[in-house]
Amino acid sequence: MPRTAARAQAEPARSSRKRDQEVVVAAAKVFYERGYANATVQAVADELGILKGSLYHYIDTKEDLLFWVFEDVHADVERLLEKVSAAEDIDALERIALYVRLQVSHNLRDLQRMAIYYHELDRLGPERRASVVKWRRVHDRYLTGLIEEAQKAGLADDGMPAAMVANCVFATIIWPYRWYRGGSGRQADDVADACVAYIMRGISGGF
């Protein structure tokens, strides 16, 4: 295919992806500020600076926008999981620490979308909600497996079931979205450091 023809095909695709991302960003901002229940498609259209009818070119319902936010967040956290899985020459306990640090740092730097991801799940219909739960279970299994590995290696306290410990870890990772209100990157790093230290002491039996 001539380069000019290939470029002509690629440009609309890039433009479409950019526009889709703009819609997700606008929806996340509106849902975060107003709450999903009180947000309207009109408010998202206003945020984008377009007519509501134009927004319906992309969606059928308001729930479509919410699910797009969930899909976007999922893509990001999957990349974090891949990064942890690809890390070399570290043991299970160090891998848990890396996972916690990356997740907390990401969450605090993306408060709007993460607040929606953790707070608005029940607003999705049953099929979509089941999809999100399935996505999350990949992380549940991964972290539980790491904890079991650390316990077997004598790196972690084996006095509690790994699945229960994993739930405690996730509670620590997730909860800051309820109280953290932003600040400098250093402040986010400090919170991540504190969460890692807290979790590592708990897993290793340091309390």
Protein backbone atom coordinates (compact mmCIF):
# COMPACT_ATOMS: atom_id res chain seq x y z
CA MET A 1 0.00 0.00 0.00
CA PRO A 2 1.42 3.45 -0.87
CA ARG A 3 2.55 5.41 2.17
CA THR A 4 0.09 8.20 1.50
CA ALA A 5 -2.83 5.74 1.45
CA ALA A 6 -1.66 4.02 4.64
CA ARG A 7 -1.31 7.37 6.35
CA ALA A 8 -4.79 8.38 5.23
CA GLN A 9 -6.17 5.26 6.89
CA ALA A 10 -4.12 5.73 10.06
CA GLU A 11 -5.11 9.35 10.67
CA PRO A 12 -8.83 8.70 11.25
CA ALA A 13 -7.95 5.83 13.61
CA ARG A 14 -5.64 8.04 15.67
CA SER A 15 -8.20 10.82 15.67
CA SER A 16 -10.90 8.44 16.86
CA ARG A 17 -8.73 7.09 19.68
CA LYS A 18 -7.89 10.61 20.80
CA ARG A 19 -11.54 11.61 20.79
CA ASP A 20 -12.53 8.47 22.71
CA GLN A 21 -9.92 9.32 25.35
CA GLU A 22 -11.20 12.89 25.58
CA VAL A 23 -14.70 11.54 26.22
CA VAL A 24 -13.43 9.23 28.98
CA VAL A 25 -11.51 12.06 30.67
CA ALA A 26 -14.52 14.37 30.55
CA ALA A 27 -16.86 11.69 31.87
CA ALA A 28 -14.51 10.84 34.73
CA LYS A 29 -14.27 14.49 35.74
CA VAL A 30 -18.04 14.95 35.77
CA PHE A 31 -18.74 11.65 37.57
CA TYR A 32 -16.09 12.45 40.18
CA GLU A 33 -17.33 15.96 40.87
CA ARG A 34 -21.07 15.22 40.83
CA GLY A 35 -21.28 11.52 41.57
CA TYR A 36 -22.51 9.16 38.87
CA ALA A 37 -26.13 9.25 40.04
CA ASN A 38 -26.30 13.05 39.78
CA ALA A 39 -24.25 13.41 36.61
CA THR A 40 -25.91 13.80 33.24
CA VAL A 41 -24.90 13.17 29.66
CA GLN A 42 -25.53 16.88 29.10
CA ALA A 43 -22.93 17.74 31.74
CA VAL A 44 -20.36 15.51 30.02
CA ALA A 45 -21.18 17.10 26.66
CA ASP A 46 -20.76 20.55 28.24
CA GLU A 47 -17.37 19.48 29.62
CA LEU A 48 -16.35 18.43 26.12
CA GLY A 49 -17.79 21.58 24.56
CA ILE A 50 -20.07 19.67 22.21
CA LEU A 51 -23.81 19.16 21.78
CA LYS A 52 -25.40 16.30 23.69
CA GLY A 53 -26.56 14.83 20.39
CA SER A 54 -22.95 14.68 19.23
CA LEU A 55 -21.99 12.72 22.33
CA TYR A 56 -24.62 10.12 21.50
CA HIS A 57 -22.54 9.43 18.40
CA TYR A 58 -20.20 7.59 20.81
CA ILE A 59 -22.65 6.11 23.33
CA ASP A 60 -26.16 4.77 23.77
CA THR A 61 -26.53 5.44 27.52
CA LYS A 62 -24.79 7.18 30.39
CA GLU A 63 -23.72 3.76 31.64
CA ASP A 64 -21.60 3.36 28.52
CA LEU A 65 -19.49 6.29 29.69
CA LEU A 66 -19.08 4.75 33.13
CA PHE A 67 -17.99 1.43 31.68
CA TRP A 68 -15.50 3.20 29.44
CA VAL A 69 -13.91 4.68 32.56
CA PHE A 70 -13.70 1.20 34.10
CA GLU A 71 -12.13 -0.21 30.93
CA ASP A 72 -9.59 2.61 30.87
CA VAL A 73 -8.59 2.06 34.49
CA HIS A 74 -8.36 -1.69 33.94
CA ALA A 75 -5.95 -1.21 31.04
CA ASP A 76 -3.68 0.90 33.24
CA VAL A 77 -3.64 -1.46 36.22
CA GLU A 78 -2.99 -4.41 33.92
CA ARG A 79 0.14 -2.64 32.71
CA LEU A 80 1.23 -2.27 36.33
CA LEU A 81 0.69 -5.98 36.93
CA GLU A 82 2.73 -6.82 33.84
CA LYS A 83 5.54 -4.60 35.11
CA VAL A 84 5.59 -6.39 38.47
CA SER A 85 5.48 -9.81 36.79
CA ALA A 86 8.39 -8.86 34.52
CA ALA A 87 10.65 -7.64 37.33
CA GLU A 88 13.75 -9.83 37.57
CA ASP A 89 15.88 -11.09 40.45
CA ILE A 90 13.47 -10.23 43.26
CA ASP A 91 11.78 -12.60 45.71
CA ALA A 92 8.06 -12.86 46.41
CA LEU A 93 8.14 -10.38 49.30
CA GLU A 94 9.99 -7.79 47.21
CA ARG A 95 7.52 -8.36 44.39
CA ILE A 96 4.63 -7.67 46.78
CA ALA A 97 6.33 -4.44 47.86
CA LEU A 98 6.77 -3.39 44.23
CA TYR A 99 3.14 -4.21 43.46
CA VAL A 100 1.92 -2.13 46.41
CA ARG A 101 4.17 0.81 45.60
CA LEU A 102 3.14 0.95 41.94
CA GLN A 103 -0.55 0.56 42.69
CA VAL A 104 -0.67 3.17 45.45
CA SER A 105 1.40 5.67 43.47
CA HIS A 106 -0.83 5.18 40.44
CA ASN A 107 -4.03 5.48 42.46
CA LEU A 108 -2.97 8.73 44.11
CA ARG A 109 -1.98 10.29 40.80
CA ASP A 110 -5.27 9.34 39.18
CA LEU A 111 -7.74 10.07 41.96
CA GLN A 112 -10.74 10.91 39.80
CA ARG A 113 -10.84 7.69 37.83
CA MET A 114 -9.77 5.51 40.76
CA ALA A 115 -12.50 6.95 42.98
CA ILE A 116 -15.04 6.05 40.31
CA TYR A 117 -13.52 2.60 39.80
CA TYR A 118 -13.79 1.72 43.47
CA HIS A 119 -16.97 3.61 44.36
CA GLU A 120 -19.34 3.23 41.42
CA LEU A 121 -19.16 -0.46 40.55
CA ASP A 122 -22.74 -1.14 41.62
CA ARG A 123 -23.98 1.42 39.08
CA LEU A 124 -23.08 -0.94 36.26
CA GLY A 125 -25.54 -3.48 34.93
CA PRO A 126 -25.06 -7.14 35.95
CA GLU A 127 -23.10 -8.24 32.86
CA ARG A 128 -20.68 -5.33 32.96
CA ARG A 129 -20.32 -5.57 36.72
CA ALA A 130 -19.42 -9.24 36.36
CA SER A 131 -16.75 -8.30 33.82
CA VAL A 132 -15.12 -5.86 36.24
CA VAL A 133 -15.23 -8.41 39.08
CA LYS A 134 -13.55 -10.91 36.76
CA TRP A 135 -10.80 -8.38 35.96
CA ARG A 136 -10.22 -7.74 39.65
CA ARG A 137 -9.98 -11.43 40.46
CA VAL A 138 -6.86 -11.66 38.30
CA HIS A 139 -5.18 -9.31 40.77
CA ASP A 140 -6.66 -11.17 43.75
CA ARG A 141 -5.20 -14.46 42.53
CA TYR A 142 -1.86 -12.91 41.66
CA LEU A 143 -1.33 -11.25 45.03
CA THR A 144 -2.60 -14.27 46.96
CA GLY A 145 -0.15 -16.43 45.03
CA LEU A 146 2.72 -14.11 45.91
CA ILE A 147 1.80 -14.19 49.58
CA GLU A 148 1.63 -18.00 49.54
CA GLU A 149 5.02 -18.11 47.85
CA ALA A 150 6.49 -15.77 50.47
CA GLN A 151 4.99 -17.87 53.27
CA LYS A 152 6.43 -21.09 51.89
CA ALA A 153 9.84 -19.45 51.56
CA GLY A 154 9.77 -18.35 55.19
CA LEU A 155 9.63 -14.68 54.20
CA ALA A 156 6.11 -14.08 55.49
CA ASP A 157 4.10 -15.01 58.56
CA ASP A 158 2.03 -18.08 57.71
CA GLY A 159 -0.32 -17.69 60.67
CA MET A 160 -3.15 -16.36 58.50
CA PRO A 161 -4.57 -17.61 55.18
CA ALA A 162 -2.95 -15.91 52.22
CA ALA A 163 -6.32 -14.87 50.79
CA MET A 164 -7.20 -13.04 54.01
CA VAL A 165 -3.84 -11.28 54.02
CA ALA A 166 -4.37 -10.28 50.39
CA ASN A 167 -7.71 -8.68 51.30
CA CYS A 168 -5.94 -6.63 53.98
CA VAL A 169 -3.31 -5.55 51.46
CA PHE A 170 -5.96 -4.46 48.97
CA ALA A 171 -7.75 -2.49 51.68
CA THR A 172 -4.55 -0.55 52.31
CA ILE A 173 -3.97 0.02 48.59
CA ILE A 174 -7.51 1.13 47.85
CA TRP A 175 -8.59 3.18 50.85
CA PRO A 176 -6.38 6.28 50.33
CA TYR A 177 -8.71 7.41 47.54
CA ARG A 178 -11.19 8.27 50.31
CA TRP A 179 -8.90 10.63 52.22
CA TYR A 180 -6.03 11.70 49.96
CA ARG A 181 -6.74 15.03 48.31
CA GLY A 182 -3.72 15.49 46.14
CA GLY A 183 -0.57 17.48 46.46
CA SER A 184 2.95 17.21 45.17
CA GLY A 185 4.38 14.09 43.64
CA ARG A 186 6.58 13.78 46.69
CA GLN A 187 3.54 13.61 48.96
CA ALA A 188 2.12 10.79 46.87
CA ASP A 189 5.46 8.99 47.11
CA ASP A 190 5.46 9.45 50.88
CA VAL A 191 2.02 7.85 51.14
CA ALA A 192 3.18 4.97 48.94
CA ASP A 193 6.26 4.52 51.14
CA ALA A 194 4.08 4.42 54.26
CA CYS A 195 1.71 1.87 52.73
CA VAL A 196 4.60 -0.37 51.66
CA ALA A 197 6.20 -0.20 55.11
CA TYR A 198 2.91 -0.95 56.84
CA ILE A 199 2.11 -3.91 54.60
CA MET A 200 5.61 -5.36 54.72
CA ARG A 201 5.64 -5.33 58.51
CA GLY A 202 2.23 -6.94 58.62
CA ILE A 203 3.03 -9.67 56.11
CA SER A 204 6.38 -10.52 57.68
CA GLY A 205 4.88 -10.58 61.19
CA GLY A 206 6.60 -7.39 62.28
CA PHE A 207 3.75 -6.15 64.51
